[in-house]
């Protein structure tokens, strides 16, 4: 009796990709996307913080959480719009690491008895729109946005390490780990052929980031 030939696996359709992206987007905004790695643990126990220090830590971690919301929007849109399967896999892997960052910052906010930004849907939508536009222009430009975004985020996290209360070792451990991984994401995107974005585009990205961080610090 002849064995039946195996049918080739069905490639995901455009509708499948959109449904998967919608599912990930809803999980991101609902705060239920699961982390794949445990939260970084500080080697030194936290010192007691007064109310002003706690509020500062919470505000900075809320800004970092918004940054991870934006990273999800950017990476998911770019992965949705590329036709390069290898690049899509790379972007989705980077997005998974950013989900860990998102979960770590969300947990730290809960530990500090504070909340995420009330404007997270707006931040996500804006980042998704940028990722979509970059992806439609081309993969090298899309990767260029990754490099510039991650470079700005790395500098932003470095400034937070200077501003966080000295005794908030838990927040510092999270931010330090995120900073290292954002730098690696930029290096990987550059190695994949990212183009250097024009100076006006970089300036607009810095301006948008400044508006976002100042707003998210309070809202």
N, C-alpha and C. Protein backbone atom coordinates (compact mmCIF):
# COMPACT_ATOMS: atom_id res chain seq x y z
N UNK A 1 0.85 -1.18 0.00
CA UNK A 1 0.00 0.00 0.00
C UNK A 1 0.90 1.25 0.00
N UNK A 2 0.62 2.13 -0.93
CA UNK A 2 1.45 3.31 -1.06
C UNK A 2 1.14 4.30 0.06
N UNK A 3 2.22 4.88 0.57
CA UNK A 3 2.01 5.90 1.60
C UNK A 3 1.56 7.19 0.95
N UNK A 4 0.69 7.89 1.62
CA UNK A 4 0.18 9.15 1.09
C UNK A 4 1.27 10.21 1.18
N UNK A 5 1.38 11.00 0.12
CA UNK A 5 2.37 12.08 0.13
C UNK A 5 1.94 13.15 1.12
N UNK A 6 2.92 13.68 1.81
CA UNK A 6 2.63 14.71 2.81
C UNK A 6 2.44 16.05 2.13
N UNK A 7 1.39 16.74 2.51
CA UNK A 7 1.14 18.06 1.95
C UNK A 7 2.09 19.08 2.55
N UNK A 8 2.58 20.00 1.73
CA UNK A 8 3.46 21.03 2.27
C UNK A 8 2.71 21.91 3.27
N UNK A 9 3.43 22.38 4.27
CA UNK A 9 2.81 23.24 5.28
C UNK A 9 2.28 24.51 4.63
N UNK A 10 1.13 24.92 5.04
CA UNK A 10 0.52 26.12 4.49
C UNK A 10 1.21 27.36 5.02
N UNK A 11 1.63 28.24 4.11
CA UNK A 11 2.27 29.49 4.52
C UNK A 11 1.22 30.41 5.12
N UNK A 12 1.58 31.15 6.15
CA UNK A 12 0.62 32.06 6.76
C UNK A 12 0.11 33.08 5.74
N UNK A 13 -1.17 33.30 5.71
CA UNK A 13 -1.75 34.28 4.79
C UNK A 13 -1.63 35.67 5.38
N UNK A 14 -1.94 36.65 4.55
CA UNK A 14 -1.92 38.04 5.04
C UNK A 14 -2.93 38.21 6.17
N UNK A 15 -4.08 37.57 6.03
CA UNK A 15 -5.09 37.66 7.08
C UNK A 15 -4.58 37.04 8.38
N UNK A 16 -3.87 35.90 8.27
CA UNK A 16 -3.29 35.28 9.46
C UNK A 16 -2.33 36.24 10.16
N UNK A 17 -1.49 36.91 9.35
CA UNK A 17 -0.50 37.83 9.90
C UNK A 17 -1.17 39.00 10.62
N UNK A 18 -2.23 39.53 10.01
CA UNK A 18 -2.95 40.63 10.64
C UNK A 18 -3.63 40.19 11.94
N UNK A 19 -4.21 38.99 11.94
CA UNK A 19 -4.87 38.49 13.15
C UNK A 19 -3.86 38.27 14.27
N UNK A 20 -2.69 37.72 13.92
CA UNK A 20 -1.65 37.51 14.92
C UNK A 20 -1.17 38.84 15.48
N UNK A 21 -0.99 39.83 14.59
CA UNK A 21 -0.55 41.15 15.04
C UNK A 21 -1.59 41.81 15.93
N UNK A 22 -2.87 41.67 15.56
CA UNK A 22 -3.94 42.23 16.38
C UNK A 22 -3.96 41.58 17.75
N UNK A 23 -3.78 40.27 17.80
CA UNK A 23 -3.75 39.54 19.07
C UNK A 23 -2.61 40.05 19.96
N UNK A 24 -1.42 40.19 19.36
CA UNK A 24 -0.27 40.68 20.12
C UNK A 24 -0.49 42.11 20.59
N UNK A 25 -1.11 42.92 19.73
CA UNK A 25 -1.36 44.31 20.10
C UNK A 25 -2.30 44.42 21.29
N UNK A 26 -3.38 43.63 21.27
CA UNK A 26 -4.34 43.66 22.37
C UNK A 26 -3.70 43.18 23.67
N UNK A 27 -2.87 42.14 23.58
CA UNK A 27 -2.18 41.64 24.77
C UNK A 27 -1.22 42.68 25.32
N UNK A 28 -0.55 43.38 24.42
CA UNK A 28 0.39 44.43 24.85
C UNK A 28 -0.34 45.52 25.62
N UNK A 29 -1.44 46.00 25.05
CA UNK A 29 -2.17 47.10 25.67
C UNK A 29 -2.92 46.67 26.92
N UNK A 30 -3.30 45.39 26.97
CA UNK A 30 -4.01 44.88 28.16
C UNK A 30 -3.05 44.50 29.28
N UNK A 31 -1.75 44.45 28.96
CA UNK A 31 -0.76 44.10 29.97
C UNK A 31 -0.74 42.63 30.33
N UNK A 32 -1.13 41.77 29.38
CA UNK A 32 -1.18 40.33 29.68
C UNK A 32 -0.18 39.53 28.84
N UNK A 33 0.66 40.22 28.05
CA UNK A 33 1.67 39.49 27.27
C UNK A 33 2.67 38.85 28.22
N UNK A 34 2.87 37.53 28.16
CA UNK A 34 3.72 36.85 29.14
C UNK A 34 5.21 37.07 28.88
N UNK A 35 5.98 37.19 29.95
CA UNK A 35 7.43 37.32 29.82
C UNK A 35 8.05 35.93 29.63
N UNK A 36 9.14 35.88 28.89
CA UNK A 36 9.85 34.61 28.67
C UNK A 36 11.01 34.45 29.63
N UNK A 37 11.46 35.55 30.24
CA UNK A 37 12.59 35.51 31.16
C UNK A 37 12.20 36.20 32.47
N UNK A 38 12.76 35.77 33.58
CA UNK A 38 12.43 36.41 34.86
C UNK A 38 12.98 37.84 34.94
N UNK A 39 12.37 38.63 35.77
CA UNK A 39 12.81 40.00 35.99
C UNK A 39 14.22 40.01 36.57
N UNK A 40 15.12 40.86 36.05
CA UNK A 40 16.47 40.96 36.63
C UNK A 40 16.40 41.29 38.12
N UNK A 41 17.26 40.64 38.89
CA UNK A 41 17.27 40.83 40.34
C UNK A 41 18.54 41.55 40.74
N UNK A 42 18.39 42.58 41.56
CA UNK A 42 19.55 43.34 42.03
C UNK A 42 20.34 42.53 43.05
N UNK A 43 21.65 42.71 43.04
CA UNK A 43 22.51 42.01 44.00
C UNK A 43 22.38 42.60 45.40
N UNK A 44 21.95 43.86 45.46
CA UNK A 44 21.83 44.58 46.73
C UNK A 44 20.37 44.86 47.04
N UNK A 45 19.90 44.60 48.25
CA UNK A 45 18.51 44.91 48.61
C UNK A 45 18.23 46.40 48.48
N UNK A 46 16.99 46.74 48.16
CA UNK A 46 16.61 48.15 48.05
C UNK A 46 16.69 48.83 49.41
N UNK A 47 17.10 50.09 49.37
CA UNK A 47 17.06 50.92 50.58
C UNK A 47 15.67 51.53 50.71
N UNK A 48 15.34 51.96 51.91
CA UNK A 48 14.05 52.62 52.12
C UNK A 48 14.01 53.92 51.32
N UNK A 49 12.87 54.18 50.67
CA UNK A 49 12.69 55.40 49.90
C UNK A 49 11.57 56.23 50.48
N UNK A 50 11.75 57.54 50.49
CA UNK A 50 10.65 58.40 50.93
C UNK A 50 9.67 58.56 49.77
N UNK A 51 8.58 59.28 50.00
CA UNK A 51 7.52 59.37 49.00
C UNK A 51 8.00 60.05 47.72
N UNK A 52 8.82 61.07 47.86
CA UNK A 52 9.33 61.77 46.68
C UNK A 52 10.21 60.85 45.84
N UNK A 53 11.05 60.06 46.48
CA UNK A 53 11.90 59.13 45.75
C UNK A 53 11.09 58.04 45.07
N UNK A 54 10.07 57.54 45.77
CA UNK A 54 9.22 56.51 45.18
C UNK A 54 8.51 57.05 43.95
N UNK A 55 8.00 58.28 44.04
CA UNK A 55 7.29 58.88 42.92
C UNK A 55 8.24 59.10 41.74
N UNK A 56 9.48 59.48 42.01
CA UNK A 56 10.45 59.67 40.93
C UNK A 56 10.74 58.35 40.25
N UNK A 57 10.98 57.30 41.02
CA UNK A 57 11.24 55.98 40.44
C UNK A 57 10.06 55.52 39.59
N UNK A 58 8.86 55.72 40.11
CA UNK A 58 7.66 55.29 39.39
C UNK A 58 7.50 56.07 38.08
N UNK A 59 7.75 57.38 38.12
CA UNK A 59 7.62 58.19 36.91
C UNK A 59 8.62 57.75 35.85
N UNK A 60 9.84 57.47 36.26
CA UNK A 60 10.86 57.03 35.30
C UNK A 60 10.53 55.65 34.75
N UNK A 61 10.04 54.75 35.59
CA UNK A 61 9.68 53.42 35.11
C UNK A 61 8.44 53.46 34.22
N UNK A 62 7.54 54.42 34.47
CA UNK A 62 6.38 54.59 33.60
C UNK A 62 6.84 55.03 32.20
N UNK A 63 7.80 55.94 32.17
CA UNK A 63 8.35 56.37 30.88
C UNK A 63 9.00 55.19 30.17
N UNK A 64 9.74 54.37 30.91
CA UNK A 64 10.38 53.19 30.30
C UNK A 64 9.35 52.20 29.80
N UNK A 65 8.25 52.06 30.53
CA UNK A 65 7.17 51.17 30.11
C UNK A 65 6.57 51.67 28.80
N UNK A 66 6.38 52.98 28.69
CA UNK A 66 5.86 53.56 27.44
C UNK A 66 6.82 53.28 26.29
N UNK A 67 8.12 53.39 26.56
CA UNK A 67 9.10 53.08 25.53
C UNK A 67 8.95 51.67 25.00
N UNK A 68 8.63 50.73 25.89
CA UNK A 68 8.45 49.34 25.47
C UNK A 68 7.12 49.14 24.74
N UNK A 69 6.11 49.91 25.10
CA UNK A 69 4.85 49.91 24.35
C UNK A 69 5.13 50.34 22.91
N UNK A 70 5.92 51.42 22.77
CA UNK A 70 6.26 51.92 21.44
C UNK A 70 7.10 50.91 20.67
N UNK A 71 8.02 50.24 21.35
CA UNK A 71 8.86 49.23 20.69
C UNK A 71 8.00 48.11 20.12
N UNK A 72 6.98 47.70 20.86
CA UNK A 72 6.08 46.66 20.36
C UNK A 72 5.36 47.13 19.09
N UNK A 73 4.86 48.36 19.12
CA UNK A 73 4.18 48.88 17.94
C UNK A 73 5.09 48.95 16.73
N UNK A 74 6.32 49.42 16.95
CA UNK A 74 7.28 49.55 15.86
C UNK A 74 7.65 48.19 15.27
N UNK A 75 8.07 47.26 16.14
CA UNK A 75 8.53 45.96 15.66
C UNK A 75 7.39 45.16 15.02
N UNK A 76 6.22 45.19 15.60
CA UNK A 76 5.10 44.41 15.06
C UNK A 76 4.71 44.93 13.68
N UNK A 77 4.69 46.24 13.51
CA UNK A 77 4.34 46.81 12.21
C UNK A 77 5.41 46.48 11.17
N UNK A 78 6.68 46.57 11.56
CA UNK A 78 7.75 46.26 10.63
C UNK A 78 7.72 44.79 10.21
N UNK A 79 7.49 43.90 11.18
CA UNK A 79 7.42 42.47 10.86
C UNK A 79 6.24 42.18 9.94
N UNK A 80 5.16 42.91 10.12
CA UNK A 80 3.96 42.69 9.31
C UNK A 80 4.19 43.10 7.86
N UNK A 81 5.03 44.12 7.63
CA UNK A 81 5.16 44.70 6.31
C UNK A 81 6.38 44.24 5.52
N UNK A 82 7.30 43.52 6.14
CA UNK A 82 8.44 43.03 5.37
C UNK A 82 8.06 41.78 4.58
N UNK A 83 8.71 41.60 3.43
CA UNK A 83 8.51 40.39 2.64
C UNK A 83 9.66 39.40 2.83
N UNK A 84 10.62 39.78 3.65
CA UNK A 84 11.79 38.95 3.91
C UNK A 84 11.50 38.08 5.14
N UNK A 85 11.38 36.78 4.94
CA UNK A 85 11.03 35.89 6.04
C UNK A 85 12.07 35.90 7.15
N UNK A 86 13.36 35.94 6.77
CA UNK A 86 14.43 35.96 7.77
C UNK A 86 14.37 37.23 8.60
N UNK A 87 14.12 38.36 7.94
CA UNK A 87 14.02 39.63 8.67
C UNK A 87 12.79 39.63 9.57
N UNK A 88 11.69 39.06 9.08
CA UNK A 88 10.48 38.99 9.92
C UNK A 88 10.76 38.19 11.19
N UNK A 89 11.47 37.08 11.03
CA UNK A 89 11.79 36.26 12.20
C UNK A 89 12.68 37.03 13.18
N UNK A 90 13.63 37.79 12.64
CA UNK A 90 14.50 38.59 13.49
C UNK A 90 13.70 39.65 14.25
N UNK A 91 12.81 40.35 13.56
CA UNK A 91 12.01 41.39 14.19
C UNK A 91 11.08 40.81 15.26
N UNK A 92 10.52 39.65 14.98
CA UNK A 92 9.63 39.03 15.96
C UNK A 92 10.40 38.57 17.19
N UNK A 93 11.65 38.10 16.99
CA UNK A 93 12.48 37.71 18.13
C UNK A 93 12.81 38.94 18.98
N UNK A 94 13.17 40.05 18.32
CA UNK A 94 13.45 41.28 19.06
C UNK A 94 12.21 41.76 19.81
N UNK A 95 11.05 41.63 19.16
CA UNK A 95 9.80 42.04 19.82
C UNK A 95 9.54 41.21 21.07
N UNK A 96 9.91 39.92 21.04
CA UNK A 96 9.72 39.07 22.22
C UNK A 96 10.59 39.55 23.36
N UNK A 97 11.84 39.94 23.07
CA UNK A 97 12.70 40.48 24.13
C UNK A 97 12.11 41.77 24.68
N UNK A 98 11.51 42.58 23.79
CA UNK A 98 10.89 43.81 24.26
C UNK A 98 9.65 43.52 25.10
N UNK A 99 8.97 42.40 24.85
CA UNK A 99 7.84 42.00 25.71
C UNK A 99 8.34 41.75 27.13
N UNK A 100 9.51 41.12 27.24
CA UNK A 100 10.09 40.92 28.56
C UNK A 100 10.32 42.26 29.25
N UNK A 101 10.88 43.22 28.50
CA UNK A 101 11.10 44.56 29.07
C UNK A 101 9.78 45.17 29.52
N UNK A 102 8.76 44.99 28.69
CA UNK A 102 7.44 45.53 29.01
C UNK A 102 6.92 44.93 30.32
N UNK A 103 7.06 43.62 30.46
CA UNK A 103 6.58 42.95 31.67
C UNK A 103 7.40 43.35 32.89
N UNK A 104 8.72 43.49 32.72
CA UNK A 104 9.58 43.88 33.84
C UNK A 104 9.20 45.27 34.37
N UNK A 105 9.01 46.22 33.45
CA UNK A 105 8.68 47.58 33.88
C UNK A 105 7.29 47.64 34.48
N UNK A 106 6.36 46.85 33.93
CA UNK A 106 5.00 46.82 34.49
C UNK A 106 5.03 46.27 35.91
N UNK A 107 5.80 45.21 36.14
CA UNK A 107 5.91 44.64 37.48
C UNK A 107 6.53 45.63 38.45
N UNK A 108 7.54 46.34 37.98
CA UNK A 108 8.19 47.32 38.87
C UNK A 108 7.24 48.45 39.23
N UNK A 109 6.40 48.86 38.28
CA UNK A 109 5.41 49.88 38.58
C UNK A 109 4.44 49.39 39.66
N UNK A 110 4.03 48.12 39.57
CA UNK A 110 3.15 47.58 40.60
C UNK A 110 3.87 47.54 41.95
N UNK A 111 5.15 47.17 41.95
CA UNK A 111 5.91 47.14 43.19
C UNK A 111 5.99 48.52 43.84
N UNK A 112 5.99 49.55 42.98
CA UNK A 112 6.08 50.93 43.46
C UNK A 112 4.70 51.54 43.70
N UNK A 113 3.66 50.71 43.62
CA UNK A 113 2.27 51.16 43.84
C UNK A 113 1.88 52.28 42.89
N UNK A 114 2.26 52.11 41.62
CA UNK A 114 1.91 53.12 40.61
C UNK A 114 1.34 52.43 39.38
N UNK A 115 1.05 53.20 38.34
CA UNK A 115 0.34 52.69 37.17
C UNK A 115 1.09 53.03 35.89
N UNK A 116 0.76 52.32 34.79
CA UNK A 116 1.30 52.68 33.48
C UNK A 116 0.67 53.98 32.97
N UNK A 117 1.17 54.47 31.85
CA UNK A 117 0.62 55.68 31.24
C UNK A 117 -0.82 55.46 30.81
N UNK A 118 -1.64 56.48 30.99
CA UNK A 118 -3.04 56.41 30.56
C UNK A 118 -3.16 56.53 29.05
N UNK A 119 -2.09 56.95 28.39
CA UNK A 119 -2.11 57.20 26.95
C UNK A 119 -1.45 56.08 26.15
N UNK A 120 -1.31 54.90 26.74
CA UNK A 120 -0.62 53.82 26.05
C UNK A 120 -1.21 53.48 24.67
N UNK A 121 -2.54 53.47 24.49
CA UNK A 121 -3.07 53.20 23.14
C UNK A 121 -2.59 54.23 22.12
N UNK A 122 -2.47 55.49 22.54
CA UNK A 122 -1.98 56.53 21.63
C UNK A 122 -0.52 56.29 21.27
N UNK A 123 0.31 55.98 22.28
CA UNK A 123 1.73 55.73 22.01
C UNK A 123 1.89 54.52 21.09
N UNK A 124 1.14 53.48 21.34
CA UNK A 124 1.24 52.27 20.51
C UNK A 124 0.83 52.56 19.07
N UNK A 125 -0.29 53.26 18.91
CA UNK A 125 -0.78 53.57 17.57
C UNK A 125 0.20 54.41 16.78
N UNK A 126 0.82 55.39 17.44
CA UNK A 126 1.80 56.23 16.75
C UNK A 126 3.01 55.44 16.31
N UNK A 127 3.51 54.57 17.19
CA UNK A 127 4.68 53.75 16.85
C UNK A 127 4.34 52.76 15.74
N UNK A 128 3.14 52.21 15.78
CA UNK A 128 2.72 51.26 14.74
C UNK A 128 2.66 51.96 13.39
N UNK A 129 2.16 53.19 13.38
CA UNK A 129 2.09 53.95 12.13
C UNK A 129 3.49 54.21 11.57
N UNK A 130 4.43 54.57 12.44
CA UNK A 130 5.81 54.81 11.99
C UNK A 130 6.42 53.52 11.45
N UNK A 131 6.20 52.41 12.16
CA UNK A 131 6.74 51.13 11.71
C UNK A 131 6.15 50.71 10.37
N UNK A 132 4.86 50.98 10.18
CA UNK A 132 4.21 50.64 8.92
C UNK A 132 4.79 51.45 7.78
N UNK A 133 4.94 52.75 7.98
CA UNK A 133 5.50 53.62 6.95
C UNK A 133 6.92 53.21 6.60
N UNK A 134 7.73 52.95 7.64
CA UNK A 134 9.11 52.54 7.39
C UNK A 134 9.17 51.22 6.65
N UNK A 135 8.30 50.28 7.03
CA UNK A 135 8.28 48.98 6.38
C UNK A 135 7.86 49.07 4.93
N UNK A 136 6.95 49.98 4.60
CA UNK A 136 6.51 50.15 3.22
C UNK A 136 7.59 50.79 2.36
N UNK A 137 8.41 51.65 2.94
CA UNK A 137 9.49 52.29 2.18
C UNK A 137 10.54 51.25 1.79
N UNK A 138 10.87 50.34 2.72
CA UNK A 138 11.85 49.31 2.40
C UNK A 138 12.53 48.78 3.65
N UNK A 139 13.07 47.58 3.55
CA UNK A 139 13.64 46.92 4.72
C UNK A 139 14.84 47.67 5.28
N UNK A 140 15.71 48.21 4.44
CA UNK A 140 16.90 48.89 4.94
C UNK A 140 16.53 50.17 5.69
N UNK A 141 15.51 50.86 5.20
CA UNK A 141 15.01 52.05 5.90
C UNK A 141 14.34 51.63 7.22
N UNK A 142 13.58 50.56 7.16
CA UNK A 142 12.92 50.04 8.36
C UNK A 142 13.96 49.73 9.43
N UNK A 143 15.04 49.07 9.02
CA UNK A 143 16.12 48.75 9.97
C UNK A 143 16.81 50.03 10.45
N UNK A 144 16.87 51.03 9.60
CA UNK A 144 17.44 52.30 10.01
C UNK A 144 16.65 52.93 11.15
N UNK A 145 15.33 52.78 11.12
CA UNK A 145 14.49 53.28 12.21
C UNK A 145 14.77 52.49 13.50
N UNK A 146 15.02 51.19 13.36
CA UNK A 146 15.37 50.40 14.53
C UNK A 146 16.66 50.91 15.16
N UNK A 147 17.68 51.13 14.32
CA UNK A 147 18.97 51.59 14.84
C UNK A 147 18.82 52.92 15.56
N UNK A 148 18.15 53.88 14.93
CA UNK A 148 18.03 55.21 15.54
C UNK A 148 17.16 55.17 16.79
N UNK A 149 16.07 54.40 16.74
CA UNK A 149 15.20 54.28 17.92
C UNK A 149 15.97 53.68 19.09
N UNK A 150 16.67 52.58 18.83
CA UNK A 150 17.39 51.91 19.91
C UNK A 150 18.55 52.75 20.43
N UNK A 151 19.19 53.51 19.55
CA UNK A 151 20.27 54.39 19.99
C UNK A 151 19.73 55.46 20.95
N UNK A 152 18.57 56.03 20.59
CA UNK A 152 17.97 57.05 21.45
C UNK A 152 17.49 56.45 22.76
N UNK A 153 16.93 55.24 22.69
CA UNK A 153 16.45 54.58 23.91
C UNK A 153 17.63 54.25 24.82
N UNK A 154 18.73 53.79 24.25
CA UNK A 154 19.91 53.47 25.06
C UNK A 154 20.40 54.70 25.83
N UNK A 155 20.46 55.84 25.13
CA UNK A 155 20.88 57.08 25.79
C UNK A 155 19.88 57.50 26.86
N UNK A 156 18.63 57.31 26.56
CA UNK A 156 17.55 57.64 27.49
C UNK A 156 17.66 56.79 28.77
N UNK A 157 17.91 55.49 28.61
CA UNK A 157 18.05 54.61 29.77
C UNK A 157 19.30 54.94 30.58
N UNK A 158 20.36 55.34 29.89
CA UNK A 158 21.58 55.75 30.60
C UNK A 158 21.30 56.95 31.49
N UNK A 159 20.49 57.89 31.00
CA UNK A 159 20.15 59.06 31.82
C UNK A 159 19.30 58.66 33.02
N UNK A 160 18.47 57.63 32.86
CA UNK A 160 17.64 57.17 33.98
C UNK A 160 18.50 56.50 35.06
N UNK A 161 19.57 55.83 34.67
CA UNK A 161 20.47 55.25 35.66
C UNK A 161 21.11 56.33 36.51
N UNK A 162 21.26 57.51 35.95
CA UNK A 162 21.81 58.63 36.72
C UNK A 162 20.75 59.28 37.60
N UNK A 163 19.47 59.23 37.17
CA UNK A 163 18.41 59.94 37.88
C UNK A 163 17.69 59.10 38.92
N UNK A 164 17.70 57.78 38.78
CA UNK A 164 16.99 56.94 39.75
C UNK A 164 17.58 57.11 41.14
N UNK A 165 16.76 57.06 42.18
CA UNK A 165 17.29 57.13 43.54
C UNK A 165 18.37 56.08 43.76
N UNK A 166 19.41 56.47 44.49
CA UNK A 166 20.57 55.59 44.69
C UNK A 166 20.17 54.24 45.29
N UNK A 167 19.18 54.25 46.17
CA UNK A 167 18.80 53.03 46.86
C UNK A 167 17.82 52.15 46.11
N UNK A 168 17.36 52.59 44.93
CA UNK A 168 16.39 51.80 44.17
C UNK A 168 17.15 50.82 43.27
N UNK A 169 17.70 49.80 43.88
CA UNK A 169 18.52 48.83 43.15
C UNK A 169 17.68 47.96 42.21
N UNK A 170 16.43 47.71 42.56
CA UNK A 170 15.58 46.88 41.71
C UNK A 170 15.33 47.54 40.36
N UNK A 171 14.99 48.82 40.40
CA UNK A 171 14.77 49.54 39.14
C UNK A 171 16.06 49.63 38.35
N UNK A 172 17.16 49.85 39.02
CA UNK A 172 18.45 49.97 38.34
C UNK A 172 18.83 48.67 37.63
N UNK A 173 18.56 47.53 38.25
CA UNK A 173 18.88 46.24 37.63
C UNK A 173 18.08 46.05 36.34
N UNK A 174 16.82 46.43 36.37
CA UNK A 174 15.97 46.31 35.19
C UNK A 174 16.45 47.23 34.07
N UNK A 175 16.70 48.48 34.42
CA UNK A 175 17.11 49.47 33.41
C UNK A 175 18.46 49.10 32.80
N UNK A 176 19.39 48.62 33.62
CA UNK A 176 20.71 48.24 33.10
C UNK A 176 20.61 47.10 32.11
N UNK A 177 19.77 46.09 32.42
CA UNK A 177 19.59 44.97 31.50
C UNK A 177 18.94 45.42 30.20
N UNK A 178 17.93 46.28 30.31
CA UNK A 178 17.28 46.80 29.12
C UNK A 178 18.25 47.59 28.25
N UNK A 179 19.06 48.41 28.87
CA UNK A 179 20.03 49.23 28.14
C UNK A 179 20.96 48.36 27.31
N UNK A 180 21.49 47.29 27.90
CA UNK A 180 22.40 46.39 27.18
C UNK A 180 21.70 45.75 25.98
N UNK A 181 20.46 45.36 26.17
CA UNK A 181 19.75 44.66 25.09
C UNK A 181 19.31 45.62 23.99
N UNK A 182 18.97 46.86 24.33
CA UNK A 182 18.63 47.84 23.30
C UNK A 182 19.85 48.12 22.43
N UNK A 183 21.02 48.21 23.06
CA UNK A 183 22.25 48.44 22.29
C UNK A 183 22.51 47.27 21.33
N UNK A 184 22.26 46.06 21.79
CA UNK A 184 22.45 44.90 20.93
C UNK A 184 21.47 44.89 19.77
N UNK A 185 20.23 45.29 20.01
CA UNK A 185 19.25 45.36 18.93
C UNK A 185 19.71 46.34 17.85
N UNK A 186 20.27 47.47 18.26
CA UNK A 186 20.77 48.44 17.29
C UNK A 186 21.92 47.86 16.49
N UNK A 187 22.84 47.16 17.16
CA UNK A 187 23.99 46.55 16.47
C UNK A 187 23.52 45.49 15.47
N UNK A 188 22.54 44.70 15.86
CA UNK A 188 22.03 43.65 14.97
C UNK A 188 21.35 44.25 13.75
N UNK A 189 20.58 45.32 13.95
CA UNK A 189 19.91 45.96 12.81
C UNK A 189 20.93 46.57 11.86
N UNK A 190 21.97 47.15 12.42
CA UNK A 190 23.03 47.73 11.58
C UNK A 190 23.72 46.64 10.77
N UNK A 191 23.96 45.49 11.39
CA UNK A 191 24.63 44.38 10.70
C UNK A 191 23.75 43.80 9.59
N UNK A 192 22.44 43.96 9.69
CA UNK A 192 21.53 43.45 8.67
C UNK A 192 21.35 44.39 7.49
N UNK A 193 22.05 45.54 7.53
CA UNK A 193 22.03 46.44 6.38
C UNK A 193 21.24 47.72 6.56
N UNK A 194 21.03 48.16 7.79
CA UNK A 194 20.28 49.39 8.03
C UNK A 194 20.97 50.59 7.39
N UNK A 195 20.17 51.48 6.83
CA UNK A 195 20.71 52.73 6.29
C UNK A 195 20.68 53.79 7.38
N UNK A 196 21.56 54.76 7.27
CA UNK A 196 21.58 55.87 8.23
C UNK A 196 20.49 56.86 7.84
N UNK A 197 19.59 57.15 8.75
CA UNK A 197 18.48 58.04 8.44
C UNK A 197 18.96 59.48 8.28
N UNK A 198 18.28 60.28 7.46
CA UNK A 198 18.64 61.70 7.31
C UNK A 198 18.52 62.45 8.64
N UNK A 199 19.35 63.47 8.80
CA UNK A 199 19.36 64.24 10.05
C UNK A 199 17.98 64.81 10.41
N UNK A 200 17.20 65.35 9.46
CA UNK A 200 15.87 65.87 9.83
C UNK A 200 14.95 64.80 10.41
N UNK A 201 15.05 63.57 9.88
CA UNK A 201 14.23 62.48 10.41
C UNK A 201 14.65 62.15 11.85
N UNK A 202 15.95 62.10 12.08
CA UNK A 202 16.44 61.83 13.44
C UNK A 202 15.98 62.93 14.39
N UNK A 203 16.00 64.17 13.91
CA UNK A 203 15.55 65.28 14.75
C UNK A 203 14.09 65.18 15.10
N UNK A 204 13.26 64.81 14.13
CA UNK A 204 11.83 64.63 14.40
C UNK A 204 11.60 63.50 15.39
N UNK A 205 12.39 62.43 15.27
CA UNK A 205 12.26 61.32 16.21
C UNK A 205 12.62 61.75 17.62
N UNK A 206 13.67 62.55 17.75
CA UNK A 206 14.06 63.06 19.09
C UNK A 206 12.98 63.96 19.66
N UNK A 207 12.39 64.80 18.80
CA UNK A 207 11.33 65.70 19.26
C UNK A 207 10.12 64.90 19.73
N UNK A 208 9.73 63.90 18.94
CA UNK A 208 8.58 63.07 19.33
C UNK A 208 8.86 62.33 20.63
N UNK A 209 10.10 61.84 20.79
CA UNK A 209 10.46 61.13 22.02
C UNK A 209 10.41 62.07 23.22
N UNK A 210 10.82 63.32 23.02
CA UNK A 210 10.80 64.29 24.12
C UNK A 210 9.37 64.57 24.56
N UNK A 211 8.46 64.73 23.60
CA UNK A 211 7.05 64.96 23.94
C UNK A 211 6.49 63.76 24.69
N UNK A 212 6.82 62.57 24.19
CA UNK A 212 6.31 61.36 24.82
C UNK A 212 6.82 61.21 26.25
N UNK A 213 8.12 61.38 26.45
CA UNK A 213 8.68 61.17 27.79
C UNK A 213 8.16 62.20 28.80
N UNK A 214 8.05 63.44 28.36
CA UNK A 214 7.56 64.48 29.28
C UNK A 214 6.10 64.25 29.65
N UNK A 215 5.31 63.77 28.69
CA UNK A 215 3.90 63.52 28.96
C UNK A 215 3.74 62.28 29.84
N UNK A 216 4.46 61.20 29.47
CA UNK A 216 4.33 59.94 30.21
C UNK A 216 4.86 60.05 31.64
N UNK A 217 5.75 61.00 31.88
CA UNK A 217 6.26 61.20 33.25
C UNK A 217 5.10 61.46 34.22
N UNK A 218 4.05 62.09 33.71
CA UNK A 218 2.91 62.44 34.57
C UNK A 218 1.66 61.62 34.23
N UNK A 219 1.45 61.35 32.93
CA UNK A 219 0.23 60.67 32.49
C UNK A 219 0.51 59.28 31.96
